[in-house]
Amino acid sequence: MPYPHVLLSAAVSLDGYLDDTGPERLLLSSPADFDRVDEVRAGSDAILIGAGTIRADNPRLLVYSEARRAARIAAGRPEYPLKVTVTATGDLDPAAKFWHTGGDKLVCTTDSGAERAAALGIAADIVPLGPELDWPALLTHLHDVRGVDRLMVEGGGTVHTQLLQQGLADELQLVLAPVFVGEPKAPRLFGPGGYQAGRLRLVETRRIEDVVLMRYEPTAPGAGGSVSAADRHWLRLACELAAQCPPSATAFSVGAVVVAADGTELARGHSREAGDPAVHAEEAALAKIAPADPRLAAATVYTSLEPCTHRASRPHPCAELILGAGVRRVVTAWREPDTFVRAADGTGMLREQGVSVAVLAEYEALAKAPNAHLETPRG
């Protein structure tokens, strides 16, 4: 199911703490960075925090700039983003500022937590997610029911940790403040547990007065049928590569990327690359990798159109090339229509051979865009 773009936002001390143990909140950001955060909030459809952050910090969680609120209204959006809190127990303070400022509020909780939260009489919609907190269900609800395309998550550390460990965070905006906390009992940003392998991609660094903003994106693919935020990044890249293809009246424009399990890009390619009128995207990408590369067995092939099963220009279709390379996972955006080959079903062929195939239909329109000149009677 489609999820919102999940942006994790946090400020930490040089030794990795979110706060100290004093009665007042430790202000780690600079005034200019608080304004940047206000801008990010204004660009979001919803802002989410854990119930523990409400108890500890009692935040209003508002867009403070009148100009930014006015711009939201002029664009046909609510004055304030939807405010969301997550609680397993329903232990909420009805007097907290969170409930009495801004626009609409939403509580996402467990079945038992929903009963407790409802008894408090707070001015918020309450969504039970089952016997335990279910982050995929929460994100699906926000996207499909609430129309949230961009979700800003402002804490606390447990929420950030869970989203990262489950591969659901698309972006991390981390501000590093020039202070030390040094208190073992103070809250840290990330907790222990299993995180995805590989290094995150650094996409921006920016000095803001005396703090530094660092923006990261995850790179490691999901496993099997489990789709990670990095999968969506790589598939989007494959769809963008399709736009580089020389147009053809007799073949699709397709992009492909091959990514190792640790998030290392092994190769990319697109249809009709390097002037070859017959080469396919997956073929072009796989040809750039040594056949004996041990990373292939755990790699993922991302392709804007499902791998072909029939072709006249080469002896082996792309589905066979993927099997021959030993790749066991494919992520694609678009099932092949009957334009050139009827009922091709590369997805079905690969699955029959034990390859895990994930189809992310939310990227179908992007994959189709370079092929708008072709008739596509199916798909």
Protein backbone atom coordinates (compact mmCIF):
# COMPACT_ATOMS: atom_id res chain seq x y z
CA MET A 1 0.00 0.00 0.00
CA PRO A 2 1.20 3.58 -0.62
CA TYR A 3 2.56 5.39 2.42
CA PRO A 4 3.26 9.07 2.99
CA HIS A 5 6.79 10.37 2.61
CA VAL A 6 8.06 9.95 6.18
CA LEU A 7 10.52 12.61 7.31
CA LEU A 8 12.20 12.18 10.70
CA SER A 9 13.27 15.47 12.30
CA ALA A 10 15.42 15.79 15.40
CA ALA A 11 18.12 17.88 17.09
CA VAL A 12 20.80 16.22 19.21
CA SER A 13 23.80 17.18 21.29
CA LEU A 14 27.31 16.27 20.18
CA ASP A 15 27.10 13.17 22.38
CA GLY A 16 23.76 12.05 20.90
CA TYR A 17 21.18 13.22 23.43
CA LEU A 18 17.75 14.71 22.71
CA ASP A 19 17.48 16.42 26.08
CA ASP A 20 18.97 16.52 29.56
CA THR A 21 17.27 15.45 32.79
CA GLY A 22 16.36 18.92 34.00
CA PRO A 23 12.77 20.12 34.49
CA GLU A 24 12.88 22.42 31.45
CA ARG A 25 13.33 21.28 27.87
CA LEU A 26 16.91 21.65 26.62
CA LEU A 27 16.84 23.92 23.56
CA LEU A 28 19.32 22.46 21.11
CA SER A 29 18.37 24.29 17.90
CA SER A 30 19.25 27.88 17.08
CA PRO A 31 16.60 30.55 16.34
CA ALA A 32 17.27 30.26 12.62
CA ASP A 33 16.88 26.50 12.79
CA PHE A 34 13.58 26.81 14.65
CA ASP A 35 12.41 28.91 11.70
CA ARG A 36 13.60 26.19 9.29
CA VAL A 37 11.60 23.61 11.28
CA ASP A 38 8.56 25.91 11.02
CA GLU A 39 9.03 25.92 7.24
CA VAL A 40 9.23 22.13 7.12
CA ARG A 41 6.07 21.90 9.22
CA ALA A 42 4.28 24.28 6.86
CA GLY A 43 5.19 22.02 3.94
CA SER A 44 3.85 18.89 5.65
CA ASP A 45 0.35 17.43 5.61
CA ALA A 46 0.70 16.03 9.11
CA ILE A 47 3.07 16.22 12.07
CA LEU A 48 3.48 13.21 14.37
CA ILE A 49 4.91 12.81 17.87
CA GLY A 50 4.76 10.10 20.47
CA ALA A 51 2.64 10.50 23.58
CA GLY A 52 5.83 10.48 25.67
CA THR A 53 6.96 13.67 23.94
CA ILE A 54 3.64 15.32 24.80
CA ARG A 55 4.13 14.35 28.45
CA ALA A 56 7.78 15.44 28.55
CA ASP A 57 7.71 18.65 26.48
CA ASN A 58 4.04 19.72 26.33
CA PRO A 59 4.49 21.11 22.78
CA ARG A 60 1.92 23.08 20.79
CA LEU A 61 3.31 21.72 17.49
CA LEU A 62 2.18 24.67 15.38
CA VAL A 63 3.19 26.52 12.24
CA TYR A 64 4.07 29.86 13.81
CA SER A 65 4.65 31.97 10.70
CA GLU A 66 1.48 33.85 9.70
CA ALA A 67 2.77 34.09 6.13
CA ARG A 68 3.26 30.33 5.90
CA ARG A 69 -0.20 29.66 7.33
CA ALA A 70 -1.68 32.11 4.84
CA ALA A 71 0.16 30.35 2.00
CA ARG A 72 -1.33 27.03 3.11
CA ILE A 73 -4.83 28.50 3.05
CA ALA A 74 -4.24 30.11 -0.36
CA ALA A 75 -3.21 26.69 -1.69
CA GLY A 76 -6.48 25.17 -0.48
CA ARG A 77 -4.92 23.42 2.51
CA PRO A 78 -5.87 23.65 6.19
CA GLU A 79 -4.22 26.47 8.11
CA TYR A 80 -2.33 23.92 10.22
CA PRO A 81 -1.13 20.39 9.40
CA LEU A 82 -2.98 17.50 10.99
CA LYS A 83 -1.45 16.77 14.42
CA VAL A 84 -0.99 13.07 15.18
CA THR A 85 0.12 11.34 18.34
CA VAL A 86 0.89 7.66 18.88
CA THR A 87 0.28 5.84 22.15
CA ALA A 88 0.16 2.18 23.05
CA THR A 89 -1.67 2.73 26.32
CA GLY A 90 -3.95 5.71 25.72
CA ASP A 91 -2.27 7.50 28.63
CA LEU A 92 -2.82 11.10 27.55
CA ASP A 93 -3.15 14.39 29.41
CA PRO A 94 -6.37 16.18 28.32
CA ALA A 95 -4.88 19.48 29.56
CA ALA A 96 -1.81 19.30 27.28
CA LYS A 97 -1.32 22.20 24.85
CA PHE A 98 -1.30 19.70 21.96
CA TRP A 99 -5.11 19.37 22.15
CA HIS A 100 -5.97 23.04 22.53
CA THR A 101 -4.01 24.69 19.71
CA GLY A 102 -3.83 24.30 15.94
CA GLY A 103 -6.18 22.34 13.73
CA ASP A 104 -7.37 18.74 13.60
CA LYS A 105 -5.89 16.12 15.93
CA LEU A 106 -5.61 12.36 15.63
CA VAL A 107 -4.72 9.68 18.17
CA CYS A 108 -3.39 6.38 16.79
CA THR A 109 -3.34 3.67 19.40
CA THR A 110 -4.11 0.05 20.26
CA ASP A 111 -7.60 -1.36 20.81
CA SER A 112 -7.23 -1.09 24.58
CA GLY A 113 -5.59 2.31 24.30
CA ALA A 114 -8.53 3.57 22.24
CA GLU A 115 -10.95 2.75 25.06
CA ARG A 116 -8.83 4.64 27.56
CA ALA A 117 -8.30 7.63 25.25
CA ALA A 118 -12.02 7.86 24.43
CA ALA A 119 -12.87 8.06 28.13
CA LEU A 120 -10.71 11.19 28.46
CA GLY A 121 -12.97 13.24 26.21
CA ILE A 122 -10.14 14.87 24.28
CA ALA A 123 -10.94 16.77 21.08
CA ALA A 124 -9.38 14.31 18.65
CA ASP A 125 -10.28 11.45 16.35
CA ILE A 126 -9.16 8.12 17.77
CA VAL A 127 -7.97 5.30 15.50
CA PRO A 128 -7.45 1.82 17.01
CA LEU A 129 -4.80 -0.15 15.10
CA GLY A 130 -5.27 -3.58 16.71
CA PRO A 131 -3.90 -5.30 19.80
CA GLU A 132 -0.47 -3.70 19.22
CA LEU A 133 0.80 -0.58 17.49
CA ASP A 134 1.06 -1.26 13.77
CA TRP A 135 3.14 1.32 11.93
CA PRO A 136 2.30 0.11 8.38
CA ALA A 137 -1.41 0.25 9.27
CA LEU A 138 -0.95 3.73 10.73
CA LEU A 139 0.83 5.03 7.64
CA THR A 140 -1.75 3.43 5.35
CA HIS A 141 -4.54 5.11 7.31
CA LEU A 142 -2.84 8.49 7.11
CA HIS A 143 -2.34 8.17 3.36
CA ASP A 144 -5.59 6.54 2.27
CA VAL A 145 -8.06 7.97 4.77
CA ARG A 146 -6.54 11.29 5.81
CA GLY A 147 -4.89 12.22 2.50
CA VAL A 148 -1.43 12.65 4.01
CA ASP A 149 1.32 12.62 1.39
CA ARG A 150 4.06 14.15 3.54
CA LEU A 151 4.45 13.24 7.21
CA MET A 152 6.89 15.05 9.51
CA VAL A 153 7.87 13.03 12.60
CA GLU A 154 9.28 15.10 15.48
CA GLY A 155 9.91 12.42 18.08
CA GLY A 156 10.60 11.06 20.42
CA GLY A 157 13.48 8.67 20.22
CA THR A 158 11.33 5.54 20.47
CA VAL A 159 9.18 6.63 17.53
CA HIS A 160 12.23 7.48 15.41
CA THR A 161 13.87 4.18 16.30
CA GLN A 162 10.82 2.09 15.40
CA LEU A 163 10.31 3.79 12.04
CA LEU A 164 13.96 3.39 11.07
CA GLN A 165 14.18 -0.21 12.24
CA GLN A 166 11.08 -1.11 10.23
CA GLY A 167 12.43 0.57 7.08
CA LEU A 168 9.61 3.10 6.97
CA ALA A 169 11.57 6.38 7.14
CA ASP A 170 12.24 8.07 3.80
CA GLU A 171 14.41 10.86 5.15
CA LEU A 172 16.27 11.87 8.31
CA GLN A 173 16.84 15.57 9.04
CA LEU A 174 19.31 15.69 11.91
CA VAL A 175 20.56 18.88 13.54
CA LEU A 176 23.79 18.65 15.53
CA ALA A 177 24.09 21.18 18.36
CA PRO A 178 27.46 22.23 19.84
CA VAL A 179 26.74 21.10 23.40
CA PHE A 180 27.38 18.02 25.52
CA VAL A 181 24.83 16.47 27.89
CA GLY A 182 26.72 13.55 29.39
CA GLU A 183 23.86 12.28 31.57
CA PRO A 184 23.35 8.49 31.28
CA LYS A 185 19.65 8.78 32.12
CA ALA A 186 18.94 11.50 29.56
CA PRO A 187 16.97 10.48 26.43
CA ARG A 188 18.93 9.52 23.34
CA LEU A 189 17.76 9.79 19.75
CA PHE A 190 18.07 6.13 18.76
CA GLY A 191 17.71 3.00 20.84
CA PRO A 192 19.25 -0.46 20.49
CA GLY A 193 17.95 -3.08 18.09
CA GLY A 194 18.25 -4.25 14.52
CA TYR A 195 18.58 -1.58 11.86
CA GLN A 196 18.87 -2.04 8.11
CA ALA A 197 22.33 -2.77 6.81
CA GLY A 198 24.43 -0.32 4.88
CA ARG A 199 25.26 3.36 5.01
CA LEU A 200 22.70 6.11 4.66
CA ARG A 201 23.09 8.54 1.77
CA LEU A 202 24.07 12.09 2.77
CA VAL A 203 22.02 14.42 0.56
CA GLU A 204 22.66 17.78 2.24
CA THR A 205 24.72 19.53 4.90
CA ARG A 206 24.01 23.10 5.94
CA ARG A 207 25.39 25.40 8.61
CA ILE A 208 22.60 27.27 10.41
CA GLU A 209 24.12 29.72 12.87
CA ASP A 210 25.98 27.46 15.35
CA VAL A 211 24.25 24.18 14.44
CA VAL A 212 24.65 21.88 11.45
CA LEU A 213 21.77 20.30 9.51
CA MET A 214 22.45 16.92 7.94
CA ARG A 215 19.90 15.25 5.67
CA TYR A 216 20.15 11.52 5.04
CA GLU A 217 18.20 8.97 3.02
CA PRO A 218 18.27 5.19 3.59
CA THR A 219 19.74 3.06 0.81
CA ALA A 220 19.36 -0.61 1.83
CA PRO A 221 16.64 -2.55 -0.05
CA GLY A 222 13.92 -4.41 1.77
CA ALA A 223 13.93 -8.18 2.09
CA GLY A 224 11.64 -10.53 0.23
CA GLY A 225 8.19 -9.06 -0.12
CA SER A 226 8.80 -6.47 2.60
CA VAL A 227 9.08 -3.03 0.99
CA SER A 228 11.36 -0.42 2.57
CA ALA A 229 11.58 3.33 2.07
CA ALA A 230 14.81 2.75 0.15
CA ASP A 231 12.91 0.51 -2.28
CA ARG A 232 10.72 3.46 -3.16
CA HIS A 233 13.77 5.66 -3.71
CA TRP A 234 15.45 3.19 -6.05
CA LEU A 235 12.28 2.45 -8.00
CA ARG A 236 11.66 6.16 -8.48
CA LEU A 237 15.22 6.43 -9.85
CA ALA A 238 14.53 3.57 -12.28
CA CYS A 239 11.40 5.35 -13.50
CA GLU A 240 13.37 8.57 -13.96
CA LEU A 241 16.01 6.69 -15.97
CA ALA A 242 13.26 5.60 -18.38
CA ALA A 243 12.88 9.23 -19.41
CA GLN A 244 16.45 9.11 -20.79
CA CYS A 245 15.53 6.52 -23.40
CA PRO A 246 15.43 7.61 -27.06
CA PRO A 247 11.73 7.42 -28.00
CA SER A 248 10.60 4.42 -30.01
CA ALA A 249 7.36 3.47 -31.72
CA THR A 250 8.11 -0.24 -31.36
CA ALA A 251 9.48 -0.64 -27.82
CA PHE A 252 8.92 0.64 -24.30
CA SER A 253 11.15 3.13 -22.55
CA VAL A 254 12.36 1.44 -19.35
CA GLY A 255 14.90 2.22 -16.64
CA ALA A 256 16.61 -0.24 -14.28
CA VAL A 257 18.92 -0.13 -11.26
CA VAL A 258 20.70 -3.04 -9.55
CA VAL A 259 21.37 -2.51 -5.83
CA ALA A 260 23.31 -4.69 -3.38
CA ALA A 261 21.83 -5.69 -0.03
CA ASP A 262 23.87 -3.03 1.79
CA GLY A 263 22.48 -0.25 -0.43
CA THR A 264 25.44 -0.01 -2.83
CA GLU A 265 24.36 0.75 -6.37
CA LEU A 266 25.94 -1.89 -8.60
CA ALA A 267 24.75 -0.63 -11.99
CA ARG A 268 22.00 1.20 -13.82
CA GLY A 269 20.75 1.17 -17.38
CA HIS A 270 17.93 2.14 -19.69
CA SER A 271 16.40 0.96 -22.93
CA ARG A 272 18.33 1.71 -26.14
CA GLU A 273 21.32 2.84 -24.10
CA ALA A 274 24.56 3.82 -25.90
CA GLY A 275 22.85 3.83 -29.27
CA ASP A 276 21.92 0.13 -29.20
CA PRO A 277 18.31 0.07 -30.52
CA ALA A 278 17.63 -3.40 -29.12
CA VAL A 279 19.11 -3.34 -25.62
CA HIS A 280 16.69 -3.48 -22.69
CA ALA A 281 17.15 -1.67 -19.39
CA GLU A 282 17.75 -4.73 -17.17
CA GLU A 283 20.07 -6.18 -19.81
CA ALA A 284 22.09 -2.95 -19.98
CA ALA A 285 22.44 -2.77 -16.20
CA LEU A 286 23.35 -6.43 -15.63
CA ALA A 287 25.95 -6.31 -18.42
CA LYS A 288 27.93 -3.81 -16.35
CA ILE A 289 28.32 -6.23 -13.42
CA ALA A 290 30.81 -9.11 -13.38
CA PRO A 291 28.80 -12.36 -13.55
CA ALA A 292 30.79 -13.76 -10.60
CA ASP A 293 30.07 -10.75 -8.36
CA PRO A 294 28.97 -12.37 -5.07
CA ARG A 295 26.67 -9.46 -4.30
CA LEU A 296 24.26 -10.41 -7.07
CA ALA A 297 22.65 -13.23 -5.10
CA ALA A 298 21.35 -10.80 -2.47
CA ALA A 299 20.82 -7.85 -4.82
CA THR A 300 17.56 -6.27 -5.94
CA VAL A 301 16.73 -5.29 -9.51
CA TYR A 302 14.52 -2.21 -9.77
CA THR A 303 12.80 -1.78 -13.10
CA SER A 304 10.12 0.66 -14.18
CA LEU A 305 8.39 -2.07 -16.27
CA GLU A 306 8.25 -5.71 -15.24
CA PRO A 307 11.01 -7.80 -16.90
CA CYS A 308 10.08 -9.12 -20.32
CA THR A 309 9.43 -12.81 -21.04
CA HIS A 310 9.49 -12.68 -24.84
CA ARG A 311 11.60 -10.68 -27.30
CA ALA A 312 12.63 -10.96 -30.95
CA SER A 313 15.83 -8.93 -30.78
CA ARG A 314 17.84 -11.13 -28.37
CA PRO A 315 17.94 -14.84 -27.50
CA HIS A 316 17.15 -14.26 -23.80
CA PRO A 317 14.42 -12.04 -22.36
CA CYS A 318 15.19 -9.97 -19.28
CA ALA A 319 13.41 -12.32 -16.88
CA GLU A 320 15.81 -15.08 -17.95
CA LEU A 321 18.80 -12.74 -17.63
CA ILE A 322 17.79 -11.94 -14.05
CA LEU A 323 17.44 -15.63 -13.22
CA GLY A 324 20.77 -16.38 -14.87
CA ALA A 325 22.48 -13.67 -12.81
CA GLY A 326 21.21 -15.31 -9.61
CA VAL A 327 19.17 -12.28 -8.48
CA ARG A 328 16.30 -13.31 -6.21
CA ARG A 329 14.44 -10.03 -5.71
CA VAL A 330 12.80 -7.60 -8.16
CA VAL A 331 10.83 -4.41 -7.53
CA THR A 332 8.80 -2.97 -10.40
CA ALA A 333 6.24 -0.25 -10.99
CA TRP A 334 4.21 -1.37 -13.99
CA ARG A 335 2.90 -4.68 -15.31
CA GLU A 336 3.61 -5.04 -19.03
CA PRO A 337 0.54 -4.20 -21.15
CA ASP A 338 -0.44 -6.10 -24.30
CA THR A 339 1.00 -3.44 -26.61
CA PHE A 340 3.69 -5.67 -28.11
CA VAL A 341 3.41 -9.04 -26.33
CA ARG A 342 0.11 -10.44 -25.13
CA ALA A 343 -0.06 -11.66 -21.50
CA ALA A 344 3.71 -11.41 -21.00
CA ASP A 345 3.58 -11.75 -17.16
CA GLY A 346 7.25 -11.43 -16.28
CA THR A 347 6.22 -11.10 -12.65
CA GLY A 348 4.49 -14.48 -12.71
CA MET A 349 7.43 -16.17 -14.43
CA LEU A 350 9.91 -14.87 -11.87
CA ARG A 351 7.72 -15.81 -8.94
CA GLU A 352 7.35 -19.34 -10.28
CA GLN A 353 11.16 -19.58 -10.15
CA GLY A 354 11.27 -18.45 -6.53
CA VAL A 355 12.13 -14.79 -7.12
CA SER A 356 10.41 -12.30 -4.83
CA VAL A 357 8.67 -9.62 -6.89
CA ALA A 358 7.12 -6.47 -5.40
CA VAL A 359 4.89 -4.32 -7.60
CA LEU A 360 4.60 -0.73 -6.34
CA ALA A 361 1.64 0.51 -8.35
CA GLU A 362 1.92 4.03 -6.90
CA TYR A 363 4.83 4.56 -9.33
CA GLU A 364 2.95 3.25 -12.38
CA ALA A 365 2.09 6.72 -13.67
CA LEU A 366 5.74 7.76 -13.47
CA ALA A 367 6.79 4.62 -15.35
CA LYS A 368 4.15 5.19 -18.03
CA ALA A 369 5.04 8.84 -18.63
CA PRO A 370 7.89 8.23 -21.17
CA ASN A 371 5.60 5.77 -22.98
CA ALA A 372 2.57 8.02 -23.39
CA HIS A 373 2.93 7.87 -27.20
CA LEU A 374 2.39 4.10 -27.20
CA GLU A 375 -0.96 2.39 -27.07
CA THR A 376 -1.32 0.47 -23.83
CA PRO A 377 -4.56 -1.53 -23.96
CA ARG A 378 -3.82 -3.46 -20.72
CA GLY A 379 -2.21 -2.32 -17.49
